[in-house]
Amino acid sequence: MTIENVTVSRHDGEQAAVLAEELCDVYADAYGVESGGEKAVAFRRRAEKQFMRPGFALVAARDGGQLVGFVFGYTLPAGDTHWWGGMQPEPSPEFLEETGARTWVLSEIEVRRAWQGKGVGRALHDAALGARSEERATLATGPDAAAQPVYESWGWRRVGRIPGDEGDYYSAYDLFMLELPVSR
């Protein structure tokens, strides 16, 4: 299992919908949960909604025929500031401005456990963000998420915290920002 054997492919929302079952399997494996369990089912619901969002893109990594990881996200629509709702510290009006071409949300980055720590996540991250034309990217993560130092080492900076919505995994989320284009 080396990263040299991994191939990367890009997919739009329609193509991602066809891959939904495989995406759920990778997600479940990454978190060590059952494929049909509550967490995986919640992921599938979130993912299927995102497949149709403007600017949706999926980058998938395969070793032979097996999907070993993926990253996907979408562009924030013009005038939509919901992503930033309740952010502390309160951002400036200029920061909140969305044009429909300004901010890409990195919604998911998942790698099967056997492939974690081998550079697959970073390769997916760079492939996805390197192809974006937006000015910046954002992601949200739990305040105690083990991935935060990884994101920071990849150039992301914490810009604030937002409250979670009812039914979310966390009562609050840390928001990170990365200026695009990505350079390594």
Protein backbone atom coordinates (compact mmCIF):
# COMPACT_ATOMS: atom_id res chain seq x y z
CA MET A 1 0.00 0.00 0.00
CA THR A 2 1.84 3.04 -1.26
CA ILE A 3 0.53 6.31 -2.57
CA GLU A 4 2.21 5.57 -5.92
CA ASN A 5 -0.55 3.01 -6.63
CA VAL A 6 -3.31 5.56 -6.03
CA THR A 7 -5.16 7.18 -8.92
CA VAL A 8 -7.15 10.37 -8.49
CA SER A 9 -10.31 11.23 -10.40
CA ARG A 10 -12.70 14.18 -10.42
CA HIS A 11 -16.50 13.93 -10.39
CA ASP A 12 -19.47 16.27 -10.54
CA GLY A 13 -22.63 15.89 -8.47
CA GLU A 14 -24.37 13.43 -10.79
CA GLN A 15 -21.31 11.20 -10.85
CA ALA A 16 -20.94 11.50 -7.08
CA ALA A 17 -24.53 10.30 -6.62
CA VAL A 18 -23.64 7.10 -8.47
CA LEU A 19 -20.71 6.61 -6.06
CA ALA A 20 -22.79 7.25 -2.92
CA GLU A 21 -22.60 3.68 -1.60
CA GLU A 22 -18.80 3.58 -1.97
CA LEU A 23 -18.49 7.00 -0.35
CA CYS A 24 -20.52 5.76 2.61
CA ASP A 25 -18.27 2.71 2.93
CA VAL A 26 -15.15 4.88 3.03
CA TYR A 27 -16.76 7.25 5.53
CA ALA A 28 -17.75 4.35 7.80
CA ASP A 29 -14.28 2.82 7.59
CA ALA A 30 -12.59 6.17 8.31
CA TYR A 31 -14.60 6.53 11.52
CA GLY A 32 -14.68 2.84 12.46
CA VAL A 33 -18.49 2.70 12.38
CA GLU A 34 -21.00 0.39 10.73
CA SER A 35 -21.83 1.19 7.08
CA GLY A 36 -25.55 1.15 7.85
CA GLY A 37 -25.20 2.76 11.27
CA GLU A 38 -26.57 6.10 12.41
CA LYS A 39 -23.41 8.11 11.71
CA ALA A 40 -23.02 6.68 8.18
CA VAL A 41 -26.71 7.21 7.40
CA ALA A 42 -26.45 10.84 8.57
CA PHE A 43 -23.39 11.28 6.34
CA ARG A 44 -25.29 9.94 3.33
CA ARG A 45 -28.18 12.37 3.91
CA ARG A 46 -25.78 15.32 4.15
CA ALA A 47 -23.78 14.20 1.12
CA GLU A 48 -26.79 13.65 -1.14
CA LYS A 49 -27.99 17.20 -0.42
CA GLN A 50 -24.58 18.57 -1.32
CA PHE A 51 -24.28 16.73 -4.64
CA MET A 52 -26.71 19.23 -6.17
CA ARG A 53 -25.15 22.40 -4.75
CA PRO A 54 -23.49 24.94 -7.07
CA GLY A 55 -19.79 24.33 -7.56
CA PHE A 56 -19.98 20.80 -6.17
CA ALA A 57 -16.87 18.73 -6.87
CA LEU A 58 -15.64 15.35 -5.66
CA VAL A 59 -12.06 14.13 -5.91
CA ALA A 60 -11.69 10.40 -5.31
CA ALA A 61 -8.61 8.24 -4.73
CA ARG A 62 -8.51 4.59 -5.76
CA ASP A 63 -6.03 1.80 -5.36
CA GLY A 64 -6.96 -0.55 -8.17
CA GLY A 65 -10.72 -0.77 -7.98
CA GLN A 66 -11.05 0.15 -4.30
CA LEU A 67 -12.06 3.66 -3.26
CA VAL A 68 -9.60 4.56 -0.50
CA GLY A 69 -10.45 8.21 0.07
CA PHE A 70 -12.28 11.26 -1.14
CA VAL A 71 -12.80 14.95 -0.65
CA PHE A 72 -15.79 16.99 -1.71
CA GLY A 73 -17.33 20.39 -1.33
CA TYR A 74 -19.32 23.16 -2.93
CA THR A 75 -19.34 26.92 -3.56
CA LEU A 76 -21.25 29.25 -1.25
CA PRO A 77 -24.02 30.98 -3.25
CA ALA A 78 -24.10 34.74 -3.77
CA GLY A 79 -25.56 36.58 -0.80
CA ASP A 80 -25.73 33.44 1.38
CA THR A 81 -24.03 34.08 4.72
CA HIS A 82 -25.59 31.14 6.60
CA TRP A 83 -22.20 29.40 6.77
CA TRP A 84 -20.89 32.27 8.87
CA GLY A 85 -24.03 32.61 11.06
CA GLY A 86 -23.26 33.42 14.69
CA MET A 87 -19.50 33.44 14.14
CA GLN A 88 -17.37 34.67 17.05
CA PRO A 89 -15.42 36.81 16.93
CA GLU A 90 -17.89 38.67 14.75
CA PRO A 91 -16.40 39.13 11.27
CA SER A 92 -16.45 42.30 9.21
CA PRO A 93 -19.14 42.80 6.55
CA GLU A 94 -16.41 42.46 3.89
CA PHE A 95 -15.45 39.06 5.27
CA LEU A 96 -19.06 37.86 5.07
CA GLU A 97 -19.63 38.95 1.48
CA GLU A 98 -20.39 36.00 -0.79
CA THR A 99 -20.47 36.47 -4.56
CA GLY A 100 -21.16 32.91 -5.66
CA ALA A 101 -17.53 32.64 -6.73
CA ARG A 102 -15.69 33.66 -3.56
CA THR A 103 -15.72 30.72 -1.11
CA TRP A 104 -15.54 26.97 -1.58
CA VAL A 105 -16.57 24.80 1.38
CA LEU A 106 -14.40 21.74 1.91
CA SER A 107 -17.22 19.68 3.32
CA GLU A 108 -15.67 16.22 3.66
CA ILE A 109 -12.22 14.71 3.52
CA GLU A 110 -12.22 11.02 4.36
CA VAL A 111 -9.59 8.29 4.04
CA ARG A 112 -9.91 4.61 4.94
CA ARG A 113 -8.06 3.82 8.17
CA ALA A 114 -5.50 1.58 6.45
CA TRP A 115 -4.58 4.52 4.20
CA GLN A 116 -4.43 7.25 6.84
CA GLY A 117 -1.00 8.75 7.48
CA LYS A 118 0.28 7.81 4.01
CA GLY A 119 -0.29 11.14 2.25
CA VAL A 120 -3.59 10.24 0.56
CA GLY A 121 -5.55 12.90 2.47
CA ARG A 122 -3.04 15.60 1.59
CA ALA A 123 -2.98 14.53 -2.06
CA LEU A 124 -6.79 14.66 -2.21
CA HIS A 125 -6.83 18.03 -0.45
CA ASP A 126 -4.31 19.55 -2.86
CA ALA A 127 -5.99 18.04 -5.94
CA ALA A 128 -9.40 19.37 -4.93
CA LEU A 129 -8.29 22.85 -3.88
CA GLY A 130 -5.73 23.22 -6.65
CA ALA A 131 -8.55 23.00 -9.21
CA ARG A 132 -10.72 25.70 -7.60
CA SER A 133 -11.13 29.21 -9.00
CA GLU A 134 -12.62 30.72 -5.82
CA GLU A 135 -10.61 33.19 -3.71
CA ARG A 136 -10.74 31.12 -0.54
CA ALA A 137 -11.82 27.85 1.00
CA THR A 138 -13.39 27.16 4.37
CA LEU A 139 -14.06 24.13 6.53
CA ALA A 140 -15.70 23.47 9.87
CA THR A 141 -14.54 20.98 12.47
CA GLY A 142 -15.33 20.09 16.04
CA PRO A 143 -13.44 22.17 18.61
CA ASP A 144 -11.51 19.13 19.85
CA ALA A 145 -11.03 17.41 16.48
CA ALA A 146 -7.69 15.64 16.13
CA ALA A 147 -7.46 16.92 12.54
CA GLN A 148 -7.07 20.58 13.55
CA PRO A 149 -3.25 20.49 13.82
CA VAL A 150 -3.14 18.72 10.44
CA TYR A 151 -5.22 21.45 8.80
CA GLU A 152 -3.02 24.11 10.37
CA SER A 153 0.11 22.37 9.04
CA TRP A 154 -1.50 22.49 5.56
CA GLY A 155 -1.88 26.28 5.79
CA TRP A 156 -5.43 26.63 7.15
CA ARG A 157 -5.99 29.27 9.81
CA ARG A 158 -8.73 29.32 12.41
CA VAL A 159 -10.99 32.34 11.89
CA GLY A 160 -13.69 31.78 14.49
CA ARG A 161 -16.33 29.55 16.01
CA ILE A 162 -19.99 29.09 15.12
CA PRO A 163 -22.77 27.45 17.13
CA GLY A 164 -23.92 24.03 15.97
CA ASP A 165 -27.47 23.44 14.78
CA GLU A 166 -29.94 21.09 16.45
CA GLY A 167 -28.97 17.50 15.67
CA ASP A 168 -25.32 18.35 14.89
CA TYR A 169 -22.48 16.29 16.35
CA TYR A 170 -21.06 19.30 18.15
CA SER A 171 -22.63 22.24 19.95
CA ALA A 172 -20.05 24.48 18.23
CA TYR A 173 -17.66 24.28 15.29
CA ASP A 174 -14.32 25.92 14.63
CA LEU A 175 -14.14 27.54 11.19
CA PHE A 176 -10.93 27.51 9.21
CA MET A 177 -9.96 29.51 6.13
CA LEU A 178 -7.39 28.95 3.39
CA GLU A 179 -6.53 31.45 0.68
CA LEU A 180 -6.59 30.00 -2.83
CA PRO A 181 -4.88 28.95 -4.99
CA VAL A 182 -3.16 26.28 -2.92
CA SER A 183 0.60 26.10 -3.27
CA ARG A 184 2.70 23.45 -1.63
